[in-house]
Structure formats: structure tokens, C-alpha cells
Amino acid sequence: MTTQPPAQTTQPPIPYAVGATPDGMETFVDGGLGKLIVGILTPLTRITIRKSKDAQGKVTEKTPLDTISGTVWMGVGILIVSLVIIRVIAML
């Protein structure tokens, strides 16, 4: 009677190097507040997709949420607009 080798289990890939911790952006987006902010900003920025060509001539699509600064500026803009709307409604 022959014995079979144990079945290998597959594990999902680790999004960062073994032993390293995720950076601040990944930690923020995985948190509750980050999910809420990204959930609000994503539909708004998908309207403004910018297409450009990279060095190899491939067309790439970029949105303001592709960078941390874009996400922050979009959040600040939405905060200011929402505060103005709330103030106007409160004055009525």
C-alpha cells in the first residue's frame, strides 16, 4: 500500500512582503472611515477619468483617486461644499 503525499493547500497572496506591515494608505482604506470616504468619492471621480499615453505609447486611465493628494483634495472639496449646503439650508 502506497501512501500519498499530503495535499497542498493554497493560500491567498499576501498584498505586501512577508514581515512588512501595510503602509498608511492601505490601513486607512481598510478602516471604517476610509471605506466610507472612498465609497463616496469613487462614483464622483469615475466621471472624470483622464486618459493619457505613457512612455511606451499605451493609453492609461487615471482618476483623482489614484493618488493620495487627489483623494485628500477631493475630500476637502466635498467637505467645503457640504458645509456650504448645510449653512444655506440652516439659514432658510
Protein backbone atom coordinates (compact mmCIF):
# COMPACT_ATOMS: atom_id res chain seq x y z
CA MET A 1 0.00 0.00 0.00
CA THR A 2 1.45 3.33 -1.02
CA THR A 3 0.94 6.50 0.90
CA GLN A 4 0.00 9.66 -0.89
CA PRO A 5 1.76 12.91 -0.10
CA PRO A 6 -0.35 15.39 1.87
CA ALA A 7 -2.47 17.69 -0.26
CA GLN A 8 -1.04 21.14 -0.65
CA THR A 9 -3.26 23.94 0.48
CA THR A 10 -3.24 27.16 -1.45
CA GLN A 11 -3.16 30.38 0.45
CA PRO A 12 -4.26 33.76 -0.86
CA PRO A 13 -1.39 36.00 -1.88
CA ILE A 14 -0.15 38.47 0.70
CA PRO A 15 -0.54 42.02 -0.62
CA TYR A 16 2.77 43.10 0.89
CA ALA A 17 6.12 41.48 1.55
CA VAL A 18 6.39 38.87 4.29
CA GLY A 19 7.32 40.54 7.56
CA ALA A 20 6.41 44.02 6.34
CA THR A 21 3.41 45.95 7.51
CA PRO A 22 0.96 47.64 5.15
CA ASP A 23 1.51 51.33 4.57
CA GLY A 24 -0.73 54.04 5.97
CA MET A 25 -2.95 54.33 2.89
CA GLU A 26 -3.87 50.63 2.90
CA THR A 27 -4.56 50.77 6.63
CA PHE A 28 -6.73 53.87 6.20
CA VAL A 29 -8.75 52.44 3.29
CA ASP A 30 -9.33 49.16 5.17
CA GLY A 31 -10.72 51.09 8.15
CA GLY A 32 -14.36 52.11 8.55
CA LEU A 33 -13.87 55.82 7.86
CA GLY A 34 -11.68 55.10 4.85
CA LYS A 35 -14.27 52.79 3.31
CA LEU A 36 -16.94 55.45 3.78
CA ILE A 37 -14.82 58.19 2.20
CA VAL A 38 -13.70 56.02 -0.72
CA GLY A 39 -17.29 54.84 -1.21
CA ILE A 40 -18.45 58.45 -1.54
CA LEU A 41 -15.54 59.68 -3.66
CA THR A 42 -15.31 56.78 -6.12
CA PRO A 43 -18.56 57.42 -8.05
CA LEU A 44 -17.76 61.12 -8.21
CA THR A 45 -14.29 60.67 -9.63
CA ARG A 46 -15.16 57.91 -12.09
CA ILE A 47 -16.93 60.61 -14.06
CA THR A 48 -13.62 62.42 -14.56
CA ILE A 49 -11.36 59.72 -16.00
CA ARG A 50 -8.33 61.22 -17.70
CA LYS A 51 -6.72 59.25 -20.50
CA SER A 52 -3.05 59.74 -21.31
CA LYS A 53 -0.23 57.89 -23.01
CA ASP A 54 2.74 56.55 -21.11
CA ALA A 55 6.33 56.28 -22.37
CA GLN A 56 5.60 53.08 -24.34
CA GLY A 57 2.58 54.64 -26.06
CA LYS A 58 -0.02 52.68 -24.08
CA VAL A 59 -3.17 54.52 -23.12
CA THR A 60 -3.59 54.74 -19.36
CA GLU A 61 -6.64 55.91 -17.46
CA LYS A 62 -6.18 57.98 -14.34
CA THR A 63 -8.63 59.40 -11.83
CA PRO A 64 -8.09 61.86 -8.99
CA LEU A 65 -8.35 58.97 -6.51
CA ASP A 66 -5.24 57.31 -7.95
CA THR A 67 -3.05 59.49 -5.74
CA ILE A 68 -3.20 60.29 -2.06
CA SER A 69 -3.16 64.03 -2.70
CA GLY A 70 -6.05 63.72 -5.16
CA THR A 71 -8.08 61.82 -2.59
CA VAL A 72 -7.35 64.42 0.09
CA TRP A 73 -8.21 67.37 -2.17
CA MET A 74 -11.43 65.69 -3.31
CA GLY A 75 -12.37 65.06 0.31
CA VAL A 76 -11.63 68.67 1.28
CA GLY A 77 -13.70 69.90 -1.65
CA ILE A 78 -16.66 67.71 -0.74
CA LEU A 79 -16.37 68.85 2.90
CA ILE A 80 -16.45 72.53 1.92
CA VAL A 81 -19.35 72.05 -0.50
CA SER A 82 -21.34 70.10 2.09
CA LEU A 83 -20.70 72.75 4.76
CA VAL A 84 -21.91 75.50 2.42
CA ILE A 85 -25.04 73.49 1.59
CA ILE A 86 -25.75 72.87 5.29
CA ARG A 87 -25.27 76.58 6.12
CA VAL A 88 -27.62 77.63 3.31
CA ILE A 89 -30.27 75.15 4.43
CA ALA A 90 -29.87 76.29 8.05
CA MET A 91 -30.34 79.94 7.06
CA LEU A 92 -33.59 79.13 5.26
